[in-house]
Amino acid sequence: MNRLFGAKQTGPKPTLSSAINTTDSHVESLDVKLAKLNVELTTYQTRMSKMRDGPGKTALKQKALKILQRRKMYESQRDQLQQQSWNMEQASMMTDNLKNVMTTVDVMKDTNKTLRKQYGKVDIDKIERMQDEMQDLMEVGNDIQESMSRSYDVPEDVDEAELDAELEALGEEAEFEGGLGLGQSEGAIPSFMQDEVPNFIDDPPDAGKVKEAAG
């Protein structure tokens, strides 16, 4: 049985990427062969263009026909391999996209579990009560500030008649002090020293000297 079907392979299985690389290498080798055949065909075409009709030209033409057949066969193989490579690349892209989708789904599942655990620990009622307490504390603080800023024994309103009476009283007090000499400016000559000269002094006192004596 092993002679007919071969022994069981125990090595690693080929991957899609390795198959694509192998196919591309075959395509490249066919391109090299096709380039050589094109060079040979060009050489035969140049030689036949310089020859007259005869057995020699006919023989070159037969060789050129065989090369042309080989080129067509290589081109057909290359086209098939390129199509296979393209199909495998599409399958590889679909596989990669599927892997990305599965990875995204797994991440979303884990995130959903984490969010449920975190939000499950949050009590909305406690948050509402805390907000109410904060609002109450702010109101208490405002009341305290208002109470601390209250003034003592200071009338809030002043009547215009009361203001006029106060000003009139201040004016009378100023006139009374002026009559007693309390409002005399500093450095002025007292009234008892002005124009009072004894009989035994011939000249009246000098105002400047009197000021110096008073100082």
N, C-alpha and C. Protein backbone atom coordinates (compact mmCIF):
# COMPACT_ATOMS: atom_id res chain seq x y z
N MET A 1 0.82 -1.20 0.00
CA MET A 1 0.00 0.00 0.00
C MET A 1 0.86 1.26 0.00
N ASN A 2 1.94 1.23 0.81
CA ASN A 2 2.81 2.38 0.85
C ASN A 2 3.49 2.62 -0.48
N ARG A 3 3.70 1.50 -1.24
CA ARG A 3 4.33 1.66 -2.55
C ARG A 3 3.40 2.38 -3.52
N LEU A 4 2.08 2.16 -3.35
CA LEU A 4 1.12 2.77 -4.28
C LEU A 4 0.78 4.20 -3.88
N PHE A 5 0.48 4.40 -2.61
CA PHE A 5 0.01 5.71 -2.15
C PHE A 5 1.05 6.49 -1.37
N GLY A 6 2.18 5.89 -1.06
CA GLY A 6 3.21 6.59 -0.33
C GLY A 6 2.98 6.51 1.17
N ALA A 7 4.04 6.73 1.91
CA ALA A 7 3.96 6.70 3.37
C ALA A 7 3.25 7.95 3.90
N LYS A 8 2.72 7.82 5.12
CA LYS A 8 2.02 8.94 5.76
C LYS A 8 3.01 10.03 6.12
N GLN A 9 2.68 11.26 5.76
CA GLN A 9 3.58 12.38 6.04
C GLN A 9 3.48 12.77 7.52
N THR A 10 4.64 12.85 8.14
CA THR A 10 4.69 13.20 9.56
C THR A 10 5.17 14.63 9.78
N GLY A 11 5.57 15.35 8.73
CA GLY A 11 6.07 16.71 8.86
C GLY A 11 4.94 17.71 9.03
N PRO A 12 5.30 18.98 9.23
CA PRO A 12 4.27 20.03 9.39
C PRO A 12 3.47 20.20 8.11
N LYS A 13 2.20 20.48 8.30
CA LYS A 13 1.33 20.68 7.14
C LYS A 13 1.64 22.02 6.48
N PRO A 14 1.54 22.06 5.16
CA PRO A 14 1.81 23.32 4.47
C PRO A 14 0.72 24.36 4.76
N THR A 15 1.15 25.57 4.90
CA THR A 15 0.21 26.66 5.16
C THR A 15 -0.16 27.37 3.86
N LEU A 16 -1.15 28.23 3.95
CA LEU A 16 -1.58 28.96 2.77
C LEU A 16 -0.50 29.92 2.29
N SER A 17 0.20 30.51 3.20
CA SER A 17 1.28 31.44 2.82
C SER A 17 2.41 30.71 2.11
N SER A 18 2.79 29.52 2.61
CA SER A 18 3.85 28.76 1.96
C SER A 18 3.42 28.30 0.57
N ALA A 19 2.14 27.94 0.41
CA ALA A 19 1.65 27.54 -0.91
C ALA A 19 1.71 28.71 -1.88
N ILE A 20 1.36 29.91 -1.41
CA ILE A 20 1.43 31.08 -2.28
C ILE A 20 2.87 31.36 -2.69
N ASN A 21 3.79 31.26 -1.74
CA ASN A 21 5.20 31.51 -2.06
C ASN A 21 5.73 30.48 -3.06
N THR A 22 5.32 29.21 -2.90
CA THR A 22 5.77 28.18 -3.84
C THR A 22 5.23 28.44 -5.23
N THR A 23 3.97 28.81 -5.32
CA THR A 23 3.37 29.10 -6.63
C THR A 23 4.04 30.29 -7.29
N ASP A 24 4.32 31.33 -6.50
CA ASP A 24 4.97 32.51 -7.07
C ASP A 24 6.38 32.19 -7.57
N SER A 25 7.07 31.32 -6.87
CA SER A 25 8.41 30.92 -7.34
C SER A 25 8.32 30.17 -8.66
N HIS A 26 7.29 29.33 -8.85
CA HIS A 26 7.10 28.64 -10.13
C HIS A 26 6.80 29.65 -11.24
N VAL A 27 6.00 30.65 -10.92
CA VAL A 27 5.70 31.68 -11.93
C VAL A 27 6.97 32.42 -12.33
N GLU A 28 7.81 32.71 -11.39
CA GLU A 28 9.06 33.41 -11.69
C GLU A 28 9.98 32.56 -12.57
N SER A 29 10.05 31.25 -12.31
CA SER A 29 10.89 30.37 -13.14
C SER A 29 10.35 30.28 -14.57
N LEU A 30 9.01 30.28 -14.69
CA LEU A 30 8.43 30.28 -16.04
C LEU A 30 8.70 31.58 -16.76
N ASP A 31 8.71 32.70 -16.03
CA ASP A 31 9.04 33.97 -16.67
C ASP A 31 10.47 33.96 -17.22
N VAL A 32 11.38 33.33 -16.48
CA VAL A 32 12.77 33.24 -16.95
C VAL A 32 12.84 32.41 -18.23
N LYS A 33 12.13 31.29 -18.25
CA LYS A 33 12.13 30.44 -19.45
C LYS A 33 11.51 31.17 -20.65
N LEU A 34 10.42 31.88 -20.39
CA LEU A 34 9.80 32.62 -21.48
C LEU A 34 10.72 33.71 -22.02
N ALA A 35 11.48 34.35 -21.16
CA ALA A 35 12.42 35.37 -21.63
C ALA A 35 13.48 34.76 -22.54
N LYS A 36 13.98 33.56 -22.18
CA LYS A 36 14.98 32.89 -23.03
C LYS A 36 14.38 32.51 -24.38
N LEU A 37 13.14 32.00 -24.37
CA LEU A 37 12.50 31.63 -25.63
C LEU A 37 12.27 32.85 -26.52
N ASN A 38 11.92 33.99 -25.91
CA ASN A 38 11.74 35.19 -26.71
C ASN A 38 13.04 35.64 -27.36
N VAL A 39 14.16 35.46 -26.62
CA VAL A 39 15.46 35.81 -27.20
C VAL A 39 15.78 34.90 -28.39
N GLU A 40 15.49 33.59 -28.25
CA GLU A 40 15.74 32.66 -29.36
C GLU A 40 14.86 32.98 -30.56
N LEU A 41 13.61 33.28 -30.32
CA LEU A 41 12.72 33.63 -31.43
C LEU A 41 13.19 34.89 -32.14
N THR A 42 13.66 35.86 -31.37
CA THR A 42 14.17 37.09 -32.00
C THR A 42 15.40 36.78 -32.85
N THR A 43 16.25 35.90 -32.36
CA THR A 43 17.45 35.54 -33.13
C THR A 43 17.07 34.83 -34.44
N TYR A 44 16.12 33.88 -34.36
CA TYR A 44 15.69 33.18 -35.57
C TYR A 44 15.01 34.14 -36.56
N GLN A 45 14.25 35.07 -36.03
CA GLN A 45 13.57 36.01 -36.92
C GLN A 45 14.59 36.88 -37.64
N THR A 46 15.65 37.28 -36.93
CA THR A 46 16.68 38.11 -37.56
C THR A 46 17.43 37.32 -38.64
N ARG A 47 17.75 36.07 -38.35
CA ARG A 47 18.47 35.24 -39.33
C ARG A 47 17.61 34.96 -40.57
N MET A 48 16.32 34.68 -40.34
CA MET A 48 15.46 34.36 -41.49
C MET A 48 15.20 35.58 -42.36
N SER A 49 15.22 36.77 -41.75
CA SER A 49 15.00 37.96 -42.56
C SER A 49 16.14 38.22 -43.53
N LYS A 50 17.31 37.65 -43.23
CA LYS A 50 18.47 37.84 -44.09
C LYS A 50 18.67 36.69 -45.07
N MET A 51 17.87 35.64 -44.99
CA MET A 51 18.04 34.45 -45.83
C MET A 51 17.00 34.44 -46.94
N ARG A 52 17.40 33.76 -48.02
CA ARG A 52 16.47 33.55 -49.12
C ARG A 52 15.66 32.29 -48.85
N ASP A 53 14.55 32.18 -49.57
CA ASP A 53 13.74 30.98 -49.41
C ASP A 53 14.52 29.76 -49.86
N GLY A 54 14.43 28.72 -49.06
CA GLY A 54 15.16 27.50 -49.38
C GLY A 54 15.10 26.54 -48.20
N PRO A 55 15.81 25.42 -48.29
CA PRO A 55 15.78 24.43 -47.21
C PRO A 55 16.30 24.97 -45.88
N GLY A 56 17.34 25.83 -45.94
CA GLY A 56 17.91 26.36 -44.70
C GLY A 56 16.89 27.25 -43.96
N LYS A 57 16.23 28.09 -44.71
CA LYS A 57 15.24 28.97 -44.09
C LYS A 57 14.06 28.18 -43.56
N THR A 58 13.69 27.10 -44.31
CA THR A 58 12.58 26.26 -43.87
C THR A 58 12.93 25.55 -42.56
N ALA A 59 14.17 25.11 -42.43
CA ALA A 59 14.60 24.42 -41.20
C ALA A 59 14.57 25.38 -40.01
N LEU A 60 15.02 26.62 -40.20
CA LEU A 60 14.96 27.60 -39.12
C LEU A 60 13.52 27.92 -38.73
N LYS A 61 12.67 27.92 -39.77
CA LYS A 61 11.27 28.20 -39.48
C LYS A 61 10.65 27.10 -38.63
N GLN A 62 11.02 25.83 -38.88
CA GLN A 62 10.50 24.72 -38.09
C GLN A 62 10.98 24.82 -36.63
N LYS A 63 12.24 25.18 -36.46
CA LYS A 63 12.75 25.38 -35.10
C LYS A 63 12.01 26.53 -34.39
N ALA A 64 11.75 27.61 -35.11
CA ALA A 64 11.04 28.73 -34.52
C ALA A 64 9.63 28.34 -34.13
N LEU A 65 8.98 27.46 -34.95
CA LEU A 65 7.64 27.00 -34.62
C LEU A 65 7.64 26.18 -33.33
N LYS A 66 8.63 25.31 -33.16
CA LYS A 66 8.71 24.52 -31.93
C LYS A 66 8.91 25.43 -30.69
N ILE A 67 9.80 26.45 -30.87
CA ILE A 67 10.02 27.37 -29.74
C ILE A 67 8.73 28.14 -29.43
N LEU A 68 8.00 28.49 -30.47
CA LEU A 68 6.75 29.21 -30.26
C LEU A 68 5.73 28.33 -29.53
N GLN A 69 5.70 27.03 -29.87
CA GLN A 69 4.80 26.11 -29.16
C GLN A 69 5.17 25.99 -27.69
N ARG A 70 6.46 25.89 -27.43
CA ARG A 70 6.91 25.81 -26.04
C ARG A 70 6.55 27.09 -25.28
N ARG A 71 6.71 28.22 -25.95
CA ARG A 71 6.38 29.49 -25.28
C ARG A 71 4.90 29.56 -24.92
N LYS A 72 4.03 29.11 -25.86
CA LYS A 72 2.61 29.12 -25.57
C LYS A 72 2.27 28.19 -24.40
N MET A 73 2.96 27.04 -24.34
CA MET A 73 2.72 26.11 -23.24
C MET A 73 3.15 26.73 -21.91
N TYR A 74 4.32 27.38 -21.89
CA TYR A 74 4.77 28.04 -20.67
C TYR A 74 3.84 29.19 -20.27
N GLU A 75 3.38 29.95 -21.24
CA GLU A 75 2.47 31.04 -20.94
C GLU A 75 1.16 30.53 -20.33
N SER A 76 0.68 29.39 -20.88
CA SER A 76 -0.55 28.81 -20.34
C SER A 76 -0.34 28.35 -18.90
N GLN A 77 0.80 27.69 -18.63
CA GLN A 77 1.10 27.27 -17.26
C GLN A 77 1.25 28.47 -16.32
N ARG A 78 1.92 29.48 -16.83
CA ARG A 78 2.10 30.68 -15.99
C ARG A 78 0.77 31.33 -15.64
N ASP A 79 -0.13 31.41 -16.64
CA ASP A 79 -1.44 32.02 -16.38
C ASP A 79 -2.23 31.21 -15.35
N GLN A 80 -2.14 29.89 -15.44
CA GLN A 80 -2.85 29.04 -14.48
C GLN A 80 -2.29 29.22 -13.06
N LEU A 81 -0.95 29.23 -12.98
CA LEU A 81 -0.34 29.41 -11.67
C LEU A 81 -0.65 30.79 -11.07
N GLN A 82 -0.66 31.81 -11.91
CA GLN A 82 -1.00 33.14 -11.42
C GLN A 82 -2.43 33.20 -10.90
N GLN A 83 -3.34 32.49 -11.62
CA GLN A 83 -4.73 32.46 -11.15
C GLN A 83 -4.85 31.72 -9.82
N GLN A 84 -4.09 30.62 -9.70
CA GLN A 84 -4.10 29.89 -8.43
C GLN A 84 -3.54 30.75 -7.29
N SER A 85 -2.48 31.45 -7.59
CA SER A 85 -1.89 32.31 -6.57
C SER A 85 -2.87 33.40 -6.15
N TRP A 86 -3.58 33.96 -7.10
CA TRP A 86 -4.55 34.99 -6.79
C TRP A 86 -5.69 34.45 -5.93
N ASN A 87 -6.15 33.26 -6.27
CA ASN A 87 -7.22 32.64 -5.48
C ASN A 87 -6.77 32.38 -4.04
N MET A 88 -5.54 31.90 -3.90
CA MET A 88 -5.03 31.65 -2.55
C MET A 88 -4.83 32.94 -1.76
N GLU A 89 -4.42 34.01 -2.45
CA GLU A 89 -4.28 35.30 -1.77
C GLU A 89 -5.63 35.81 -1.27
N GLN A 90 -6.67 35.62 -2.09
CA GLN A 90 -8.01 36.02 -1.64
C GLN A 90 -8.45 35.21 -0.42
N ALA A 91 -8.17 33.90 -0.46
CA ALA A 91 -8.51 33.06 0.69
C ALA A 91 -7.73 33.48 1.92
N SER A 92 -6.47 33.86 1.72
CA SER A 92 -5.65 34.31 2.85
C SER A 92 -6.20 35.61 3.45
N MET A 93 -6.60 36.53 2.57
CA MET A 93 -7.16 37.79 3.07
C MET A 93 -8.46 37.54 3.83
N MET A 94 -9.30 36.62 3.32
CA MET A 94 -10.54 36.31 4.02
C MET A 94 -10.26 35.68 5.38
N THR A 95 -9.23 34.83 5.42
CA THR A 95 -8.86 34.20 6.69
C THR A 95 -8.36 35.24 7.70
N ASP A 96 -7.54 36.17 7.22
CA ASP A 96 -7.03 37.22 8.11
C ASP A 96 -8.17 38.11 8.62
N ASN A 97 -9.10 38.43 7.72
CA ASN A 97 -10.24 39.24 8.14
C ASN A 97 -11.09 38.51 9.19
N LEU A 98 -11.26 37.22 8.99
CA LEU A 98 -12.04 36.44 9.95
C LEU A 98 -11.34 36.40 11.31
N LYS A 99 -10.02 36.25 11.29
CA LYS A 99 -9.26 36.27 12.54
C LYS A 99 -9.41 37.61 13.26
N ASN A 100 -9.34 38.69 12.48
CA ASN A 100 -9.49 40.02 13.08
C ASN A 100 -10.88 40.19 13.69
N VAL A 101 -11.90 39.67 12.98
CA VAL A 101 -13.26 39.77 13.51
C VAL A 101 -13.40 38.99 14.82
N MET A 102 -12.84 37.78 14.85
CA MET A 102 -12.92 36.97 16.05
C MET A 102 -12.17 37.62 17.21
N THR A 103 -11.02 38.21 16.90
CA THR A 103 -10.27 38.92 17.95
C THR A 103 -11.07 40.09 18.50
N THR A 104 -11.71 40.83 17.60
CA THR A 104 -12.53 41.97 18.03
C THR A 104 -13.69 41.51 18.90
N VAL A 105 -14.32 40.40 18.51
CA VAL A 105 -15.44 39.87 19.29
C VAL A 105 -14.98 39.45 20.69
N ASP A 106 -13.82 38.79 20.76
CA ASP A 106 -13.30 38.37 22.07
C ASP A 106 -13.00 39.58 22.96
N VAL A 107 -12.41 40.62 22.37
CA VAL A 107 -12.10 41.83 23.14
C VAL A 107 -13.38 42.49 23.64
N MET A 108 -14.39 42.54 22.79
CA MET A 108 -15.66 43.14 23.20
C MET A 108 -16.32 42.34 24.32
N LYS A 109 -16.22 41.01 24.25
CA LYS A 109 -16.78 40.18 25.33
C LYS A 109 -16.08 40.47 26.65
N ASP A 110 -14.75 40.49 26.63
CA ASP A 110 -14.00 40.78 27.86
C ASP A 110 -14.33 42.17 28.40
N THR A 111 -14.43 43.15 27.50
CA THR A 111 -14.75 44.51 27.93
C THR A 111 -16.14 44.57 28.54
N ASN A 112 -17.08 43.83 27.95
CA ASN A 112 -18.44 43.81 28.48
C ASN A 112 -18.47 43.22 29.89
N LYS A 113 -17.73 42.14 30.10
CA LYS A 113 -17.67 41.54 31.43
C LYS A 113 -17.07 42.51 32.45
N THR A 114 -15.99 43.18 32.04
CA THR A 114 -15.34 44.12 32.96
C THR A 114 -16.27 45.27 33.33
N LEU A 115 -16.97 45.81 32.32
CA LEU A 115 -17.89 46.92 32.59
C LEU A 115 -19.03 46.48 33.50
N ARG A 116 -19.53 45.29 33.30
CA ARG A 116 -20.60 44.80 34.18
C ARG A 116 -20.13 44.69 35.62
N LYS A 117 -18.91 44.20 35.80
CA LYS A 117 -18.38 44.08 37.15
C LYS A 117 -18.21 45.45 37.79
N GLN A 118 -17.68 46.40 37.02
CA GLN A 118 -17.42 47.72 37.58
C GLN A 118 -18.72 48.46 37.88
N TYR A 119 -19.64 48.46 36.94
CA TYR A 119 -20.91 49.15 37.15
C TYR A 119 -21.78 48.45 38.19
N GLY A 120 -21.56 47.16 38.36
CA GLY A 120 -22.32 46.45 39.38
C GLY A 120 -21.96 46.89 40.79
N LYS A 121 -20.76 47.46 40.95
CA LYS A 121 -20.33 47.93 42.27
C LYS A 121 -20.81 49.35 42.57
N VAL A 122 -21.38 50.02 41.60
CA VAL A 122 -21.82 51.41 41.77
C VAL A 122 -23.29 51.42 42.18
N ASP A 123 -23.59 52.12 43.30
CA ASP A 123 -24.95 52.26 43.80
C ASP A 123 -25.45 53.65 43.42
N ILE A 124 -26.41 53.69 42.50
CA ILE A 124 -26.92 54.98 42.05
C ILE A 124 -27.62 55.73 43.18
N ASP A 125 -28.32 54.99 44.06
CA ASP A 125 -29.02 55.64 45.17
C ASP A 125 -28.04 56.34 46.11
N LYS A 126 -26.90 55.70 46.35
CA LYS A 126 -25.89 56.33 47.21
C LYS A 126 -25.34 57.61 46.57
N ILE A 127 -25.16 57.56 45.27
CA ILE A 127 -24.66 58.76 44.58
C ILE A 127 -25.68 59.89 44.69
N GLU A 128 -26.96 59.57 44.51
CA GLU A 128 -28.00 60.59 44.63
C GLU A 128 -28.04 61.17 46.04
N ARG A 129 -27.94 60.31 47.05
CA ARG A 129 -27.94 60.80 48.43
C ARG A 129 -26.73 61.68 48.70
N MET A 130 -25.59 61.28 48.15
CA MET A 130 -24.38 62.08 48.35
C MET A 130 -24.53 63.45 47.70
N GLN A 131 -25.15 63.49 46.52
CA GLN A 131 -25.38 64.78 45.87
C GLN A 131 -26.32 65.66 46.69
N ASP A 132 -27.36 65.06 47.26
CA ASP A 132 -28.28 65.82 48.11
C ASP A 132 -27.57 66.36 49.34
N GLU A 133 -26.73 65.53 49.96
CA GLU A 133 -25.97 65.98 51.13
C GLU A 133 -25.02 67.12 50.78
N MET A 134 -24.39 67.03 49.62
CA MET A 134 -23.49 68.09 49.20
C MET A 134 -24.25 69.40 49.00
N GLN A 135 -25.44 69.30 48.42
CA GLN A 135 -26.24 70.50 48.22
C GLN A 135 -26.66 71.11 49.56
N ASP A 136 -27.05 70.26 50.52
CA ASP A 136 -27.42 70.75 51.86
C ASP A 136 -26.23 71.43 52.54
N LEU A 137 -25.06 70.81 52.40
CA LEU A 137 -23.87 71.40 53.01
C LEU A 137 -23.53 72.75 52.39
N MET A 138 -23.73 72.88 51.08
CA MET A 138 -23.47 74.16 50.44
C MET A 138 -24.43 75.23 50.96
N GLU A 139 -25.70 74.87 51.16
CA GLU A 139 -26.65 75.82 51.71
C GLU A 139 -26.29 76.22 53.13
N VAL A 140 -25.86 75.25 53.95
CA VAL A 140 -25.44 75.57 55.31
C VAL A 140 -24.23 76.50 55.29
N GLY A 141 -23.30 76.25 54.39
CA GLY A 141 -22.13 77.11 54.28
C GLY A 141 -22.50 78.53 53.89
N ASN A 142 -23.45 78.67 52.98
CA ASN A 142 -23.89 80.01 52.59
C ASN A 142 -24.55 80.72 53.77
N ASP A 143 -25.35 79.99 54.55
CA ASP A 143 -25.97 80.59 55.74
C ASP A 143 -24.93 81.05 56.74
N ILE A 144 -23.90 80.23 56.93
CA ILE A 144 -22.83 80.61 57.86
C ILE A 144 -22.11 81.86 57.39
N GLN A 145 -21.80 81.94 56.11
CA GLN A 145 -21.13 83.12 55.57
C GLN A 145 -21.99 84.37 55.72
N GLU A 146 -23.28 84.22 55.47
CA GLU A 146 -24.18 85.36 55.63
C GLU A 146 -24.27 85.82 57.08
N SER A 147 -24.28 84.85 58.01
CA SER A 147 -24.34 85.20 59.43
C SER A 147 -23.06 85.87 59.90
N MET A 148 -21.89 85.36 59.43
CA MET A 148 -20.62 85.94 59.85
C MET A 148 -20.41 87.34 59.30
N SER A 149 -21.01 87.67 58.17
CA SER A 149 -20.82 88.98 57.56
C SER A 149 -21.82 90.01 58.06
N ARG A 150 -22.65 89.68 59.08
CA ARG A 150 -23.65 90.61 59.61
C ARG A 150 -22.96 91.69 60.45
N SER A 151 -23.40 92.95 60.33
CA SER A 151 -22.82 94.06 61.08
C SER A 151 -23.60 94.28 62.38
N TYR A 152 -22.91 94.89 63.38
CA TYR A 152 -23.50 95.08 64.70
C TYR A 152 -23.70 96.57 64.99
N ASP A 153 -24.88 96.95 65.57
CA ASP A 153 -25.17 98.31 66.04
C ASP A 153 -24.95 99.35 64.98
N VAL A 154 -25.18 99.04 63.76
CA VAL A 154 -25.04 100.00 62.68
C VAL A 154 -26.39 100.10 62.00
N PRO A 155 -27.01 101.28 62.05
CA PRO A 155 -28.33 101.40 61.41
C PRO A 155 -28.21 101.19 59.91
N GLU A 156 -29.15 100.44 59.41
CA GLU A 156 -29.12 100.14 57.99
C GLU A 156 -29.60 101.31 57.15
N ASP A 157 -30.60 102.08 57.65
CA ASP A 157 -31.17 103.20 56.89
C ASP A 157 -30.94 104.50 57.65
N VAL A 158 -30.61 105.58 56.94
CA VAL A 158 -30.40 106.92 57.52
C VAL A 158 -31.40 107.86 56.90
N ASP A 159 -32.16 108.58 57.77
CA ASP A 159 -33.16 109.52 57.29
C ASP A 159 -32.47 110.83 56.89
N GLU A 160 -32.97 111.49 55.85
CA GLU A 160 -32.38 112.75 55.39
C GLU A 160 -32.55 113.85 56.45
N ALA A 161 -33.69 113.84 57.13
CA ALA A 161 -33.91 114.86 58.18
C ALA A 161 -32.91 114.68 59.31
N GLU A 162 -32.62 113.41 59.65
CA GLU A 162 -31.63 113.14 60.70
C GLU A 162 -30.26 113.59 60.26
N LEU A 163 -29.93 113.40 58.97
CA LEU A 163 -28.63 113.85 58.46
C LEU A 163 -28.52 115.36 58.52
N ASP A 164 -29.57 116.08 58.14
CA ASP A 164 -29.52 117.55 58.19
C ASP A 164 -29.34 118.04 59.62
N ALA A 165 -30.00 117.36 60.58
CA ALA A 165 -29.86 117.76 61.98
C ALA A 165 -28.45 117.55 62.48
N GLU A 166 -27.83 116.45 62.08
CA GLU A 166 -26.46 116.17 62.50
C GLU A 166 -25.50 117.21 61.94
N LEU A 167 -25.68 117.58 60.66
CA LEU A 167 -24.80 118.57 60.04
C LEU A 167 -24.98 119.94 60.69
N GLU A 168 -26.22 120.30 61.01
CA GLU A 168 -26.47 121.58 61.65
C GLU A 168 -25.84 121.63 63.04
N ALA A 169 -25.91 120.49 63.76
CA ALA A 169 -25.30 120.42 65.08
C ALA A 169 -23.78 120.57 65.00
N LEU A 170 -23.19 119.95 64.00
CA LEU A 170 -21.74 120.06 63.83
C LEU A 170 -21.35 121.49 63.51
N GLY A 171 -22.17 122.21 62.71
CA GLY A 171 -21.86 123.61 62.39
C GLY A 171 -21.93 124.49 63.62
N GLU A 172 -22.94 124.31 64.48
CA GLU A 172 -23.04 125.11 65.70
C GLU A 172 -21.88 124.83 66.64
N GLU A 173 -21.48 123.58 66.71
CA GLU A 173 -20.35 123.23 67.58
C GLU A 173 -19.08 123.91 67.11
N ALA A 174 -18.87 124.01 65.77
CA ALA A 174 -17.68 124.66 65.23
C ALA A 174 -17.69 126.15 65.54
N GLU A 175 -18.88 126.78 65.46
CA GLU A 175 -18.96 128.21 65.77
C GLU A 175 -18.68 128.45 67.24
N PHE A 176 -19.16 127.58 68.12
CA PHE A 176 -18.92 127.72 69.55
C PHE A 176 -17.44 127.61 69.88
N GLU A 177 -16.76 126.67 69.28
CA GLU A 177 -15.32 126.52 69.51
C GLU A 177 -14.55 127.71 68.98
N GLY A 178 -15.02 128.29 67.82
CA GLY A 178 -14.35 129.47 67.29
C GLY A 178 -14.47 130.67 68.21
N GLY A 179 -15.62 130.77 68.88
CA GLY A 179 -15.79 131.88 69.82
C GLY A 179 -14.90 131.76 71.02
N LEU A 180 -14.63 130.51 71.48
CA LEU A 180 -13.75 130.31 72.63
C LEU A 180 -12.28 130.32 72.26
N GLY A 181 -11.98 130.43 70.99
CA GLY A 181 -10.57 130.42 70.55
C GLY A 181 -10.01 129.03 70.41
N LEU A 182 -10.91 127.99 70.49
CA LEU A 182 -10.40 126.62 70.36
C LEU A 182 -10.02 126.29 68.93
N GLY A 183 -10.63 127.04 68.04
CA GLY A 183 -10.34 126.75 66.63
C GLY A 183 -9.23 127.59 66.07
N GLN A 184 -8.41 128.28 66.94
CA GLN A 184 -7.33 129.13 66.47
C GLN A 184 -6.24 128.27 65.86
N SER A 185 -5.72 128.72 64.76
CA SER A 185 -4.69 127.96 64.05
C SER A 185 -3.39 128.02 64.81
N GLU A 186 -2.56 127.01 64.56
CA GLU A 186 -1.27 126.91 65.23
C GLU A 186 -0.35 128.00 64.75
N GLY A 187 0.36 128.69 65.66
CA GLY A 187 1.30 129.75 65.29
C GLY A 187 0.69 131.13 65.26
N ALA A 188 -0.66 131.26 65.45
CA ALA A 188 -1.28 132.60 65.44
C ALA A 188 -1.04 133.31 66.77
N ILE A 189 -1.09 134.66 66.76
CA ILE A 189 -0.84 135.48 67.97
C ILE A 189 -2.09 135.47 68.82
N PRO A 190 -1.99 135.12 70.09
CA PRO A 190 -3.18 135.13 70.95
C PRO A 190 -3.81 136.51 70.99
N SER A 191 -5.13 136.51 71.29
CA SER A 191 -5.86 137.80 71.28
C SER A 191 -5.41 138.73 72.41
N PHE A 192 -4.96 138.10 73.51
CA PHE A 192 -4.55 138.97 74.63
C PHE A 192 -3.21 139.63 74.39
N MET A 193 -2.46 139.19 73.33
CA MET A 193 -1.17 139.80 73.01
C MET A 193 -1.27 140.74 71.84
N GLN A 194 -2.42 140.95 71.26
CA GLN A 194 -2.55 141.82 70.09
C GLN A 194 -3.00 143.23 70.56
N ASP A 195 -2.24 144.25 70.08
CA ASP A 195 -2.57 145.67 70.31
C ASP A 195 -2.71 146.03 71.79
N GLU A 196 -2.01 145.33 72.66
CA GLU A 196 -2.02 145.69 74.09
C GLU A 196 -0.60 146.07 74.49
N VAL A 197 -0.27 147.35 74.43
CA VAL A 197 1.09 147.83 74.68
C VAL A 197 1.07 148.67 75.98
N PRO A 198 1.99 148.36 76.91
CA PRO A 198 2.02 149.16 78.16
C PRO A 198 2.33 150.63 77.88
N ASN A 199 1.98 151.51 78.90
CA ASN A 199 2.18 152.94 78.72
C ASN A 199 3.64 153.34 78.75
N PHE A 200 4.44 152.45 79.37
CA PHE A 200 5.85 152.86 79.50
C PHE A 200 6.68 152.47 78.29
N ILE A 201 6.07 151.85 77.26
CA ILE A 201 6.81 151.48 76.04
C ILE A 201 6.41 152.44 74.95
N ASP A 202 7.42 153.10 74.37
CA ASP A 202 7.16 154.10 73.34
C ASP A 202 6.65 153.49 72.05
N ASP A 203 7.30 152.38 71.56
CA ASP A 203 6.93 151.79 70.26
C ASP A 203 6.10 150.54 70.48
N PRO A 204 5.14 150.33 69.64
CA PRO A 204 4.36 149.06 69.73
C PRO A 204 5.23 147.86 69.40
N PRO A 205 4.90 146.74 69.94
CA PRO A 205 5.75 145.55 69.69
C PRO A 205 5.69 145.10 68.23
N ASP A 206 6.83 144.53 67.76
CA ASP A 206 6.90 144.00 66.39
C ASP A 206 6.14 142.67 66.34
N ALA A 207 5.34 142.53 65.30
CA ALA A 207 4.50 141.30 65.20
C ALA A 207 5.37 140.05 65.10
N GLY A 208 6.49 140.14 64.38
CA GLY A 208 7.36 138.97 64.23
C GLY A 208 7.99 138.56 65.52
N LYS A 209 8.42 139.57 66.34
CA LYS A 209 9.06 139.25 67.60
C LYS A 209 8.05 138.70 68.59
N VAL A 210 6.81 139.27 68.51
CA VAL A 210 5.79 138.75 69.41
C VAL A 210 5.52 137.29 69.12
N LYS A 211 5.50 136.93 67.85
CA LYS A 211 5.29 135.53 67.47
C LYS A 211 6.39 134.64 68.00
N GLU A 212 7.69 135.18 67.94
CA GLU A 212 8.81 134.40 68.45
C GLU A 212 8.67 134.21 69.97
N ALA A 213 8.25 135.28 70.67
CA ALA A 213 8.09 135.17 72.12
C ALA A 213 6.97 134.23 72.45
N ALA A 214 5.92 134.27 71.66
CA ALA A 214 4.80 133.34 71.93
C ALA A 214 5.19 131.91 71.67
N GLY A 215 6.07 131.67 70.71
CA GLY A 215 6.50 130.30 70.42
C GLY A 215 7.42 129.80 71.48
